[in-house]
Amino acid sequence: MPERRERGGRSARVRVPVPGLAQWSERASASLIELSIAGGIATTYSIVLVAARPVFALVEAVALVCGVHLEPLFPFLYWALGVAFLVWQAALRGRTGQSLGQRLMRIVLVDEDTGRPVGPARSILRSVLHVLDIGALFFGYVRPVFQYRAQTFADQICRTVVVTMDTINKIAIAEEAGT
């Protein structure tokens, strides 16, 4: 619990930086890795559509004969594949504490109270709540640089923090020693 100091006749809470939190550059790098992979999936899908155009034209012609219009499906899949990858990464982050990008950057998403992974539902909710970080002119994404617990708005709402693997390893060693 933060200390209280008297200031001008009233007490003020002193915000002490928490050790072991992930740096903003590590968090941004992990996000960029994941977004790059999602973009790569969409690009690969586009390349396959172009390369296999004769096959898809035949499939589309057969579908039209059967009365099914496949044309709206192709743009939908372009976006759906990338979004599905990001949702899978959010669920993975909730279950294990790490998405692919976070694993490469050696950082972990944990509950701020327990230090454990937050679960898939809460992690997906956190990812959706990043809209608030964007809505504030992207200030929410820069906020971890200034905020004492290095949290975005989404992190603060979901009560999560992003820490380094070294911190998680120290906690595990301390728990083993205590039991």
C-alpha atoms as a PDB file:
ATOM      1  CA  MET A   1       0.000   0.000   0.000  1.00  0.00           C
ATOM      2  CA  PRO A   2       1.412   3.424  -0.905  1.00  0.00           C
ATOM      3  CA  GLU A   3       2.585   5.625   1.941  1.00  0.00           C
ATOM      4  CA  ARG A   4       0.758   8.792   2.925  1.00  0.00           C
ATOM      5  CA  ARG A   5       2.637  12.045   3.431  1.00  0.00           C
ATOM      6  CA  GLU A   6       1.366  15.295   4.839  1.00  0.00           C
ATOM      7  CA  ARG A   7       1.343  18.090   2.306  1.00  0.00           C
ATOM      8  CA  GLY A   8      -0.090  21.486   3.082  1.00  0.00           C
ATOM      9  CA  GLY A   9      -2.113  20.203   6.030  1.00  0.00           C
ATOM     10  CA  ARG A  10      -3.645  17.292   4.133  1.00  0.00           C
ATOM     11  CA  SER A  11      -2.423  13.812   3.436  1.00  0.00           C
ATOM     12  CA  ALA A  12      -1.440  12.856  -0.113  1.00  0.00           C
ATOM     13  CA  ARG A  13      -0.901   9.411  -1.495  1.00  0.00           C
ATOM     14  CA  VAL A  14       2.643   8.788  -2.716  1.00  0.00           C
ATOM     15  CA  ARG A  15       2.695   6.757  -5.914  1.00  0.00           C
ATOM     16  CA  VAL A  16       5.744   4.521  -5.817  1.00  0.00           C
ATOM     17  CA  PRO A  17       6.717   2.920  -9.163  1.00  0.00           C
ATOM     18  CA  VAL A  18       6.226  -0.840  -9.109  1.00  0.00           C
ATOM     19  CA  PRO A  19       9.401  -2.827  -9.905  1.00  0.00           C
ATOM     20  CA  GLY A  20       9.360  -5.510 -12.584  1.00  0.00           C
ATOM     21  CA  LEU A  21       6.841  -3.856 -14.895  1.00  0.00           C
ATOM     22  CA  ALA A  22       7.414  -4.224 -18.627  1.00  0.00           C
ATOM     23  CA  GLN A  23       8.822  -1.217 -20.451  1.00  0.00           C
ATOM     24  CA  TRP A  24       6.630   0.624 -22.951  1.00  0.00           C
ATOM     25  CA  SER A  25       8.967  -0.348 -25.799  1.00  0.00           C
ATOM     26  CA  GLU A  26       8.580  -4.059 -24.945  1.00  0.00           C
ATOM     27  CA  ARG A  27       4.793  -3.769 -24.883  1.00  0.00           C
ATOM     28  CA  ALA A  28       4.699  -1.825 -28.154  1.00  0.00           C
ATOM     29  CA  SER A  29       7.050  -4.307 -29.824  1.00  0.00           C
ATOM     30  CA  ALA A  30       4.878  -7.247 -28.754  1.00  0.00           C
ATOM     31  CA  SER A  31       1.778  -5.534 -30.162  1.00  0.00           C
ATOM     32  CA  LEU A  32       3.538  -4.708 -33.430  1.00  0.00           C
ATOM     33  CA  ILE A  33       4.666  -8.339 -33.791  1.00  0.00           C
ATOM     34  CA  GLU A  34       1.077  -9.551 -33.400  1.00  0.00           C
ATOM     35  CA  LEU A  35      -0.357  -6.928 -35.751  1.00  0.00           C
ATOM     36  CA  SER A  36       2.336  -7.778 -38.313  1.00  0.00           C
ATOM     37  CA  ILE A  37       1.415 -11.459 -38.178  1.00  0.00           C
ATOM     38  CA  ALA A  38      -2.301 -10.624 -38.568  1.00  0.00           C
ATOM     39  CA  GLY A  39      -1.435  -8.417 -41.541  1.00  0.00           C
ATOM     40  CA  GLY A  40       0.717 -11.209 -42.958  1.00  0.00           C
ATOM     41  CA  ILE A  41      -2.201 -13.625 -42.714  1.00  0.00           C
ATOM     42  CA  ALA A  42      -4.463 -11.211 -44.623  1.00  0.00           C
ATOM     43  CA  THR A  43      -1.746 -10.598 -47.234  1.00  0.00           C
ATOM     44  CA  THR A  44      -1.136 -14.326 -47.673  1.00  0.00           C
ATOM     45  CA  TYR A  45      -4.873 -14.832 -48.145  1.00  0.00           C
ATOM     46  CA  SER A  46      -4.872 -12.149 -50.877  1.00  0.00           C
ATOM     47  CA  ILE A  47      -1.900 -13.758 -52.627  1.00  0.00           C
ATOM     48  CA  VAL A  48      -3.604 -17.164 -52.544  1.00  0.00           C
ATOM     49  CA  LEU A  49      -6.768 -15.632 -54.020  1.00  0.00           C
ATOM     50  CA  VAL A  50      -4.781 -14.086 -56.877  1.00  0.00           C
ATOM     51  CA  ALA A  51      -2.586 -17.154 -57.477  1.00  0.00           C
ATOM     52  CA  ALA A  52      -5.534 -19.554 -57.439  1.00  0.00           C
ATOM     53  CA  ARG A  53      -7.868 -17.249 -59.369  1.00  0.00           C
ATOM     54  CA  PRO A  54      -8.836 -19.916 -61.954  1.00  0.00           C
ATOM     55  CA  VAL A  55      -9.759 -22.398 -59.231  1.00  0.00           C
ATOM     56  CA  PHE A  56     -11.779 -19.816 -57.308  1.00  0.00           C
ATOM     57  CA  ALA A  57     -13.476 -18.704 -60.542  1.00  0.00           C
ATOM     58  CA  LEU A  58     -14.561 -22.297 -61.155  1.00  0.00           C
ATOM     59  CA  VAL A  59     -15.816 -22.672 -57.577  1.00  0.00           C
ATOM     60  CA  GLU A  60     -17.662 -19.376 -57.849  1.00  0.00           C
ATOM     61  CA  ALA A  61     -19.250 -20.418 -61.173  1.00  0.00           C
ATOM     62  CA  VAL A  62     -20.465 -23.714 -59.685  1.00  0.00           C
ATOM     63  CA  ALA A  63     -21.835 -21.846 -56.671  1.00  0.00           C
ATOM     64  CA  LEU A  64     -23.687 -19.386 -58.919  1.00  0.00           C
ATOM     65  CA  VAL A  65     -25.264 -22.289 -60.805  1.00  0.00           C
ATOM     66  CA  CYS A  66     -26.475 -23.580 -57.429  1.00  0.00           C
ATOM     67  CA  GLY A  67     -27.814 -20.097 -56.585  1.00  0.00           C
ATOM     68  CA  VAL A  68     -25.141 -19.196 -53.995  1.00  0.00           C
ATOM     69  CA  HIS A  69     -23.211 -15.925 -54.253  1.00  0.00           C
ATOM     70  CA  LEU A  70     -19.670 -16.363 -52.891  1.00  0.00           C
ATOM     71  CA  GLU A  71     -18.336 -12.958 -53.901  1.00  0.00           C
ATOM     72  CA  PRO A  72     -19.137 -11.234 -50.553  1.00  0.00           C
ATOM     73  CA  LEU A  73     -17.380 -14.081 -48.738  1.00  0.00           C
ATOM     74  CA  PHE A  74     -13.900 -13.279 -50.051  1.00  0.00           C
ATOM     75  CA  PRO A  75     -13.592  -9.721 -48.607  1.00  0.00           C
ATOM     76  CA  PHE A  76     -15.170 -10.930 -45.373  1.00  0.00           C
ATOM     77  CA  LEU A  77     -12.556 -13.679 -45.021  1.00  0.00           C
ATOM     78  CA  TYR A  78      -9.776 -11.153 -45.663  1.00  0.00           C
ATOM     79  CA  TRP A  79     -10.690  -9.357 -42.430  1.00  0.00           C
ATOM     80  CA  ALA A  80     -12.040 -12.348 -40.510  1.00  0.00           C
ATOM     81  CA  LEU A  81      -8.784 -14.319 -40.708  1.00  0.00           C
ATOM     82  CA  GLY A  82      -6.727 -11.452 -39.261  1.00  0.00           C
ATOM     83  CA  VAL A  83      -9.278 -10.718 -36.543  1.00  0.00           C
ATOM     84  CA  ALA A  84      -9.552 -14.429 -35.684  1.00  0.00           C
ATOM     85  CA  PHE A  85      -5.773 -14.523 -35.194  1.00  0.00           C
ATOM     86  CA  LEU A  86      -5.911 -11.505 -32.851  1.00  0.00           C
ATOM     87  CA  VAL A  87      -8.807 -13.009 -30.848  1.00  0.00           C
ATOM     88  CA  TRP A  88      -6.882 -16.287 -30.570  1.00  0.00           C
ATOM     89  CA  GLN A  89      -3.841 -14.357 -29.322  1.00  0.00           C
ATOM     90  CA  ALA A  90      -5.976 -12.533 -26.733  1.00  0.00           C
ATOM     91  CA  ALA A  91      -7.442 -15.835 -25.513  1.00  0.00           C
ATOM     92  CA  LEU A  92      -3.969 -17.375 -25.384  1.00  0.00           C
ATOM     93  CA  ARG A  93      -2.736 -14.336 -23.428  1.00  0.00           C
ATOM     94  CA  GLY A  94      -5.539 -14.866 -20.932  1.00  0.00           C
ATOM     95  CA  ARG A  95      -4.830 -18.570 -20.491  1.00  0.00           C
ATOM     96  CA  THR A  96      -1.017 -18.509 -20.340  1.00  0.00           C
ATOM     97  CA  GLY A  97      -0.296 -14.835 -19.645  1.00  0.00           C
ATOM     98  CA  GLN A  98       1.499 -14.481 -22.976  1.00  0.00           C
ATOM     99  CA  SER A  99       0.603 -14.031 -26.613  1.00  0.00           C
ATOM    100  CA  LEU A 100       3.132 -14.816 -29.328  1.00  0.00           C
ATOM    101  CA  GLY A 101       4.458 -11.251 -29.365  1.00  0.00           C
ATOM    102  CA  GLN A 102       4.689 -11.146 -25.580  1.00  0.00           C
ATOM    103  CA  ARG A 103       6.498 -14.469 -25.511  1.00  0.00           C
ATOM    104  CA  LEU A 104       9.085 -13.153 -27.960  1.00  0.00           C
ATOM    105  CA  MET A 105       9.506  -9.973 -25.886  1.00  0.00           C
ATOM    106  CA  ARG A 106       9.581 -11.960 -22.597  1.00  0.00           C
ATOM    107  CA  ILE A 107       6.688 -10.110 -20.945  1.00  0.00           C
ATOM    108  CA  VAL A 108       3.552 -11.465 -19.229  1.00  0.00           C
ATOM    109  CA  LEU A 109       0.015 -10.127 -18.637  1.00  0.00           C
ATOM    110  CA  VAL A 110      -1.166 -10.862 -15.087  1.00  0.00           C
ATOM    111  CA  ASP A 111      -3.911  -9.910 -12.654  1.00  0.00           C
ATOM    112  CA  GLU A 112      -2.672  -6.985 -10.570  1.00  0.00           C
ATOM    113  CA  ASP A 113      -3.861  -8.583  -7.322  1.00  0.00           C
ATOM    114  CA  THR A 114      -2.909 -12.250  -7.758  1.00  0.00           C
ATOM    115  CA  GLY A 115      -0.048 -12.162 -10.264  1.00  0.00           C
ATOM    116  CA  ARG A 116      -1.714 -14.971 -12.232  1.00  0.00           C
ATOM    117  CA  PRO A 117      -3.044 -15.067 -15.827  1.00  0.00           C
ATOM    118  CA  VAL A 118      -6.418 -13.341 -16.129  1.00  0.00           C
ATOM    119  CA  GLY A 119      -8.339 -15.903 -18.182  1.00  0.00           C
ATOM    120  CA  PRO A 120      -9.444 -15.779 -21.824  1.00  0.00           C
ATOM    121  CA  ALA A 121     -12.676 -13.792 -21.332  1.00  0.00           C
ATOM    122  CA  ARG A 122     -11.027 -10.986 -19.374  1.00  0.00           C
ATOM    123  CA  SER A 123      -8.108 -10.871 -21.790  1.00  0.00           C
ATOM    124  CA  ILE A 124     -10.445 -10.578 -24.800  1.00  0.00           C
ATOM    125  CA  LEU A 125     -12.409  -7.875 -22.939  1.00  0.00           C
ATOM    126  CA  ARG A 126      -9.110  -6.048 -22.320  1.00  0.00           C
ATOM    127  CA  SER A 127      -8.302  -6.227 -26.023  1.00  0.00           C
ATOM    128  CA  VAL A 128     -11.732  -4.800 -26.907  1.00  0.00           C
ATOM    129  CA  LEU A 129     -11.324  -2.059 -24.295  1.00  0.00           C
ATOM    130  CA  HIS A 130      -8.159  -0.890 -26.064  1.00  0.00           C
ATOM    131  CA  VAL A 131     -10.666   1.095 -28.158  1.00  0.00           C
ATOM    132  CA  LEU A 132     -10.637   3.520 -25.210  1.00  0.00           C
ATOM    133  CA  ASP A 133      -6.874   3.855 -25.587  1.00  0.00           C
ATOM    134  CA  ILE A 134      -7.334   4.709 -29.263  1.00  0.00           C
ATOM    135  CA  GLY A 135     -10.333   6.974 -28.642  1.00  0.00           C
ATOM    136  CA  ALA A 136      -8.302   9.278 -26.435  1.00  0.00           C
ATOM    137  CA  LEU A 137      -6.132  10.272 -29.443  1.00  0.00           C
ATOM    138  CA  PHE A 138      -3.917   7.259 -28.762  1.00  0.00           C
ATOM    139  CA  PHE A 139      -3.008   8.741 -25.355  1.00  0.00           C
ATOM    140  CA  GLY A 140      -4.003   5.454 -23.735  1.00  0.00           C
ATOM    141  CA  TYR A 141      -1.181   3.693 -25.543  1.00  0.00           C
ATOM    142  CA  VAL A 142       1.375   6.296 -24.453  1.00  0.00           C
ATOM    143  CA  ARG A 143      -0.036   6.434 -20.912  1.00  0.00           C
ATOM    144  CA  PRO A 144       2.127   3.533 -19.605  1.00  0.00           C
ATOM    145  CA  VAL A 145       5.167   5.794 -19.998  1.00  0.00           C
ATOM    146  CA  PHE A 146       3.731   8.255 -17.443  1.00  0.00           C
ATOM    147  CA  GLN A 147       1.488   6.140 -15.241  1.00  0.00           C
ATOM    148  CA  TYR A 148       3.167   4.739 -12.123  1.00  0.00           C
ATOM    149  CA  ARG A 149       1.921   1.179 -12.762  1.00  0.00           C
ATOM    150  CA  ALA A 150       2.541   1.414 -16.514  1.00  0.00           C
ATOM    151  CA  GLN A 151      -1.122   0.697 -17.302  1.00  0.00           C
ATOM    152  CA  THR A 152      -3.254   1.633 -20.291  1.00  0.00           C
ATOM    153  CA  PHE A 153      -6.885   2.568 -19.693  1.00  0.00           C
ATOM    154  CA  ALA A 154      -7.836  -1.010 -20.639  1.00  0.00           C
ATOM    155  CA  ASP A 155      -5.327  -2.407 -18.116  1.00  0.00           C
ATOM    156  CA  GLN A 156      -6.689  -0.202 -15.356  1.00  0.00           C
ATOM    157  CA  ILE A 157     -10.323  -1.151 -16.063  1.00  0.00           C
ATOM    158  CA  CYS A 158      -9.467  -4.887 -16.215  1.00  0.00           C
ATOM    159  CA  ARG A 159      -7.076  -4.656 -13.234  1.00  0.00           C
ATOM    160  CA  THR A 160      -4.107  -6.092 -15.137  1.00  0.00           C
ATOM    161  CA  VAL A 161      -0.406  -5.293 -15.338  1.00  0.00           C
ATOM    162  CA  VAL A 162       2.277  -6.381 -17.774  1.00  0.00           C
ATOM    163  CA  VAL A 163       5.470  -7.589 -16.089  1.00  0.00           C
ATOM    164  CA  THR A 164       8.754  -9.081 -17.248  1.00  0.00           C
ATOM    165  CA  MET A 165       9.440 -12.820 -17.250  1.00  0.00           C
ATOM    166  CA  ASP A 166      12.177 -12.214 -14.659  1.00  0.00           C
ATOM    167  CA  THR A 167       9.528 -10.931 -12.243  1.00  0.00           C
ATOM    168  CA  ILE A 168       7.352 -14.013 -12.833  1.00  0.00           C
ATOM    169  CA  ASN A 169      10.369 -16.279 -12.280  1.00  0.00           C
ATOM    170  CA  LYS A 170      11.177 -14.505  -8.991  1.00  0.00           C
ATOM    171  CA  ILE A 171       7.575 -14.942  -7.819  1.00  0.00           C
ATOM    172  CA  ALA A 172       7.661 -18.652  -8.706  1.00  0.00           C
ATOM    173  CA  ILE A 173      10.944 -19.140  -6.815  1.00  0.00           C
ATOM    174  CA  ALA A 174       9.547 -17.297  -3.785  1.00  0.00           C
ATOM    175  CA  GLU A 175       6.372 -19.446  -3.848  1.00  0.00           C
ATOM    176  CA  GLU A 176       8.443 -22.636  -4.035  1.00  0.00           C
ATOM    177  CA  ALA A 177      10.606 -21.531  -1.128  1.00  0.00           C
ATOM    178  CA  GLY A 178       7.513 -20.658   0.929  1.00  0.00           C
ATOM    179  CA  THR A 179       5.824 -24.030   0.405  1.00  0.00           C
END
